[in-house]
Amino acid sequence: MYKVAILDDEKDFLEEIKECLQEYEMYEVSYFQDAKSLIKEIDHFDVVYIDYEMENITAFEFFKETQLSKYIRIIITKYDHIVYKSIDYDIFDFIRKKKLKEDIHNKMKRLLKKLEADHDRIIVESGNQIIAIYYDDIQYIHTDKNYIIIHGKEEYRIRSTFKEMLKKIKKNNFITISYGILVNMRYIQYINLKEMRVVLENEIQLPLSYKYKNSVKEAYQEYKIQ
């Protein structure tokens, strides 16, 4: 779950943006009306949405105060001209107040890709939800007709192809053991080359294809000596 902070000195606007973010269950959202309170906790957050101009501080002044902290900066503004002043502040994106819900929704995929790249998680759509899953929580992945099933702490069913999932997985400790089956090596208990089976820590047995036998053996041996 990603930690998101919203900073605005108008309570009504905080309620409005809260409503916009409710559908994104991978977010744990905190709301602030006072900049000093957020500055004290800034290192706990992955993303900060901030109103450009508040009564006691501007977004750029806030960024100066927190310039040593690593988080994604998103400005909420009703002024178009401030985009050109933002070069020195590493602003990730802008949200227009008058198009709040529309902009949050339209720019969400870009934000999620950035979060996925910065963190050890994969972002997937399962049912009507967008979910962030830690790579280390995934035991294995397999195909089921037009779907991909991700097995971990929970089971997620995603409409995707195996090739698309291979492109999406960015961790080296995942290996293909048969076409349509991708395994996280940290969960492998042992590989039975005689019976062509990969046995996971929870005794789940998965078929090993002759096509992948040598590559799986080499990859697993290399993984174990790291």
Protein backbone atom coordinates (compact mmCIF):
# COMPACT_ATOMS: atom_id res chain seq x y z
CA MET A 1 0.00 0.00 0.00
CA TYR A 2 1.35 3.43 -0.96
CA LYS A 3 1.23 6.28 1.53
CA VAL A 4 -0.30 9.47 0.09
CA ALA A 5 -0.57 12.89 1.74
CA ILE A 6 -2.95 15.66 0.70
CA LEU A 7 -2.14 19.22 1.81
CA ASP A 8 -4.70 22.01 1.48
CA ASP A 9 -5.87 24.60 3.98
CA GLU A 10 -9.49 24.36 2.80
CA LYS A 11 -11.43 21.60 4.57
CA ASP A 12 -14.12 21.43 1.87
CA PHE A 13 -11.51 20.78 -0.81
CA LEU A 14 -9.93 18.02 1.27
CA GLU A 15 -13.32 16.33 1.39
CA GLU A 16 -13.65 16.68 -2.38
CA ILE A 17 -10.29 15.10 -3.14
CA LYS A 18 -10.95 12.39 -0.54
CA GLU A 19 -14.00 11.37 -2.55
CA CYS A 20 -11.90 11.26 -5.76
CA LEU A 21 -9.31 8.93 -4.23
CA GLN A 22 -11.67 6.48 -2.52
CA GLU A 23 -11.68 4.01 -5.44
CA TYR A 24 -7.89 3.54 -5.33
CA GLU A 25 -7.50 0.91 -2.63
CA MET A 26 -3.71 0.69 -2.95
CA TYR A 27 -3.49 4.13 -1.31
CA GLU A 28 -3.39 4.89 2.39
CA VAL A 29 -4.31 8.57 2.40
CA SER A 30 -3.67 11.18 5.10
CA TYR A 31 -5.09 14.69 4.97
CA PHE A 32 -3.38 17.85 6.24
CA GLN A 33 -4.52 21.45 6.54
CA ASP A 34 -1.29 22.55 8.23
CA ALA A 35 1.99 22.41 6.27
CA LYS A 36 4.18 22.20 9.39
CA SER A 37 2.44 19.01 10.51
CA LEU A 38 3.09 17.36 7.15
CA ILE A 39 6.72 18.54 7.03
CA LYS A 40 7.35 16.69 10.32
CA GLU A 41 6.01 13.46 8.78
CA ILE A 42 7.11 13.94 5.16
CA ASP A 43 9.52 10.98 5.08
CA HIS A 44 6.61 8.60 5.70
CA PHE A 45 4.94 9.39 2.37
CA ASP A 46 5.41 8.19 -1.20
CA VAL A 47 3.24 10.87 -2.85
CA VAL A 48 2.16 14.37 -1.84
CA TYR A 49 -0.68 16.23 -3.54
CA ILE A 50 -0.40 19.89 -2.55
CA ASP A 51 -2.45 22.98 -3.26
CA TYR A 52 -0.25 25.50 -5.06
CA GLU A 53 -1.24 28.51 -3.00
CA MET A 54 -2.42 28.40 0.60
CA GLU A 55 -2.77 31.13 3.17
CA ASN A 56 0.58 30.58 4.91
CA ILE A 57 2.71 28.76 2.34
CA THR A 58 3.00 28.04 -1.40
CA ALA A 59 3.79 24.66 -2.90
CA PHE A 60 7.26 25.84 -3.95
CA GLU A 61 8.03 27.04 -0.43
CA PHE A 62 6.92 23.65 0.89
CA PHE A 63 9.19 21.88 -1.61
CA LYS A 64 12.15 23.99 -0.46
CA GLU A 65 11.46 22.96 3.12
CA THR A 66 11.38 19.28 2.15
CA GLN A 67 13.97 19.24 -0.64
CA LEU A 68 16.04 16.49 1.02
CA SER A 69 13.07 14.12 1.22
CA LYS A 70 12.23 11.67 -1.54
CA TYR A 71 8.59 11.70 -2.55
CA ILE A 72 6.51 12.29 -5.68
CA ARG A 73 5.37 15.91 -5.91
CA ILE A 74 1.99 16.72 -7.47
CA ILE A 75 0.61 20.27 -7.50
CA ILE A 76 -3.10 21.03 -7.45
CA THR A 77 -3.70 24.42 -8.99
CA LYS A 78 -6.12 26.77 -10.69
CA TYR A 79 -3.23 28.69 -12.30
CA ASP A 80 -1.83 27.46 -15.63
CA HIS A 81 1.21 29.75 -15.54
CA ILE A 82 2.88 28.05 -12.58
CA VAL A 83 3.81 25.06 -14.76
CA TYR A 84 6.63 27.14 -16.20
CA LYS A 85 8.01 27.98 -12.76
CA SER A 86 8.30 24.36 -11.68
CA ILE A 87 11.44 23.20 -13.47
CA ASP A 88 13.68 23.52 -10.40
CA TYR A 89 11.38 21.56 -8.08
CA ASP A 90 11.14 18.11 -9.71
CA ILE A 91 7.35 18.30 -10.02
CA PHE A 92 5.91 15.02 -11.25
CA ASP A 93 2.51 16.33 -12.37
CA PHE A 94 -0.20 18.97 -12.08
CA ILE A 95 -3.89 18.60 -11.22
CA ARG A 96 -6.35 21.31 -12.20
CA LYS A 97 -8.79 22.23 -9.43
CA LYS A 98 -11.61 22.84 -11.88
CA LYS A 99 -11.01 19.37 -13.43
CA LEU A 100 -10.05 17.60 -10.21
CA LYS A 101 -11.70 14.20 -10.61
CA GLU A 102 -10.99 14.03 -14.34
CA ASP A 103 -7.29 14.87 -13.96
CA ILE A 104 -6.74 12.50 -11.02
CA HIS A 105 -8.29 9.64 -12.97
CA ASN A 106 -6.58 10.40 -16.30
CA LYS A 107 -3.13 10.76 -14.72
CA MET A 108 -3.39 7.85 -12.29
CA LYS A 109 -1.83 5.22 -14.57
CA ARG A 110 1.25 7.37 -15.07
CA LEU A 111 1.57 7.85 -11.32
CA LEU A 112 1.16 4.14 -10.64
CA LYS A 113 3.89 3.29 -13.18
CA LYS A 114 6.20 5.72 -11.41
CA LEU A 115 5.39 4.20 -8.01
CA GLU A 116 5.91 0.71 -9.39
CA ALA A 117 9.31 1.70 -10.76
CA ASP A 118 10.33 3.31 -7.44
CA HIS A 119 9.10 0.45 -5.27
CA ASP A 120 9.36 -3.32 -5.29
CA ARG A 121 5.78 -3.89 -6.43
CA ILE A 122 3.76 -4.71 -9.49
CA ILE A 123 0.55 -2.84 -10.33
CA VAL A 124 -2.31 -4.95 -11.74
CA GLU A 125 -6.01 -4.65 -12.43
CA SER A 126 -8.10 -7.41 -10.89
CA GLY A 127 -11.85 -7.17 -11.26
CA ASN A 128 -12.73 -3.53 -10.68
CA GLN A 129 -9.69 -2.87 -8.50
CA ILE A 130 -6.19 -1.59 -9.18
CA ILE A 131 -3.87 -3.47 -6.82
CA ALA A 132 -0.21 -3.06 -5.84
CA ILE A 133 1.43 -6.42 -5.02
CA TYR A 134 4.91 -6.85 -3.57
CA TYR A 135 7.06 -9.02 -5.84
CA ASP A 136 8.27 -10.93 -2.79
CA ASP A 137 4.69 -11.89 -1.93
CA ILE A 138 4.14 -13.60 -5.30
CA GLN A 139 4.81 -17.37 -5.20
CA TYR A 140 3.99 -18.19 -8.80
CA ILE A 141 1.93 -17.09 -11.77
CA HIS A 142 0.13 -19.23 -14.33
CA THR A 143 -2.22 -18.84 -17.27
CA ASP A 144 -5.88 -19.86 -17.33
CA LYS A 145 -7.30 -19.34 -20.82
CA ASN A 146 -7.43 -15.55 -21.32
CA TYR A 147 -6.42 -14.81 -17.75
CA ILE A 148 -3.34 -14.75 -15.54
CA ILE A 149 -3.62 -16.06 -11.99
CA ILE A 150 -1.22 -14.58 -9.44
CA HIS A 151 -0.71 -16.75 -6.35
CA GLY A 152 0.58 -15.10 -3.19
CA LYS A 153 -0.92 -14.07 0.12
CA GLU A 154 -4.11 -13.79 -1.93
CA GLU A 155 -5.10 -14.99 -5.39
CA TYR A 156 -5.62 -12.43 -8.16
CA ARG A 157 -7.24 -13.11 -11.53
CA ILE A 158 -6.12 -10.70 -14.24
CA ARG A 159 -7.15 -10.46 -17.87
CA SER A 160 -3.76 -10.57 -19.60
CA THR A 161 -1.48 -12.75 -21.70
CA PHE A 162 1.59 -14.58 -20.45
CA LYS A 163 3.83 -12.52 -22.77
CA GLU A 164 2.42 -9.27 -21.35
CA MET A 165 3.06 -10.49 -17.80
CA LEU A 166 6.65 -11.46 -18.63
CA LYS A 167 7.26 -7.90 -19.84
CA LYS A 168 5.66 -6.48 -16.71
CA ILE A 169 7.68 -8.52 -14.19
CA LYS A 170 10.89 -6.62 -13.49
CA LYS A 171 12.53 -8.91 -10.94
CA ASN A 172 15.33 -11.32 -11.89
CA ASN A 173 14.30 -13.98 -9.40
CA PHE A 174 11.26 -15.03 -11.48
CA ILE A 175 11.79 -17.89 -13.94
CA THR A 176 9.61 -19.61 -16.52
CA ILE A 177 9.47 -23.34 -15.74
CA SER A 178 6.88 -24.25 -18.39
CA TYR A 179 5.10 -22.06 -20.88
CA GLY A 180 2.43 -20.26 -18.89
CA ILE A 181 4.05 -20.85 -15.48
CA LEU A 182 6.33 -18.28 -13.84
CA VAL A 183 7.85 -19.03 -10.43
CA ASN A 184 9.45 -16.83 -7.79
CA MET A 185 12.69 -18.68 -6.92
CA ARG A 186 12.60 -17.54 -3.29
CA TYR A 187 9.68 -19.98 -2.78
CA ILE A 188 11.30 -23.01 -4.44
CA GLN A 189 11.97 -25.82 -1.95
CA TYR A 190 13.69 -28.07 -4.49
CA ILE A 191 13.65 -29.08 -8.16
CA ASN A 192 13.09 -32.75 -9.03
CA LEU A 193 14.83 -33.18 -12.38
CA LYS A 194 13.96 -36.85 -12.56
CA GLU A 195 10.20 -36.32 -12.24
CA MET A 196 10.40 -32.86 -13.88
CA ARG A 197 8.71 -31.08 -11.01
CA VAL A 198 9.35 -27.83 -9.15
CA VAL A 199 8.27 -28.09 -5.52
CA LEU A 200 7.51 -24.91 -3.61
CA GLU A 201 7.90 -24.37 0.14
CA ASN A 202 4.21 -25.01 0.74
CA GLU A 203 4.49 -28.38 -1.09
CA ILE A 204 2.79 -27.10 -4.24
CA GLN A 205 4.16 -29.10 -7.19
CA LEU A 206 4.43 -27.50 -10.62
CA PRO A 207 5.42 -29.15 -13.91
CA LEU A 208 8.87 -28.43 -15.34
CA SER A 209 9.10 -28.44 -19.13
CA TYR A 210 12.07 -30.15 -20.87
CA LYS A 211 12.40 -26.99 -22.94
CA TYR A 212 13.21 -24.97 -19.80
CA LYS A 213 15.03 -27.67 -17.82
CA ASN A 214 18.60 -26.41 -18.33
CA SER A 215 17.79 -22.71 -18.03
CA VAL A 216 15.80 -23.31 -14.81
CA LYS A 217 18.61 -25.43 -13.33
CA GLU A 218 21.25 -22.80 -14.12
CA ALA A 219 19.14 -19.87 -12.94
CA TYR A 220 18.24 -21.57 -9.65
CA GLN A 221 21.84 -22.59 -8.92
CA GLU A 222 22.98 -19.01 -9.55
CA TYR A 223 20.17 -17.65 -7.37
CA LYS A 224 21.10 -19.94 -4.44
CA ILE A 225 24.74 -18.84 -4.34
CA GLN A 226 23.95 -15.11 -4.37
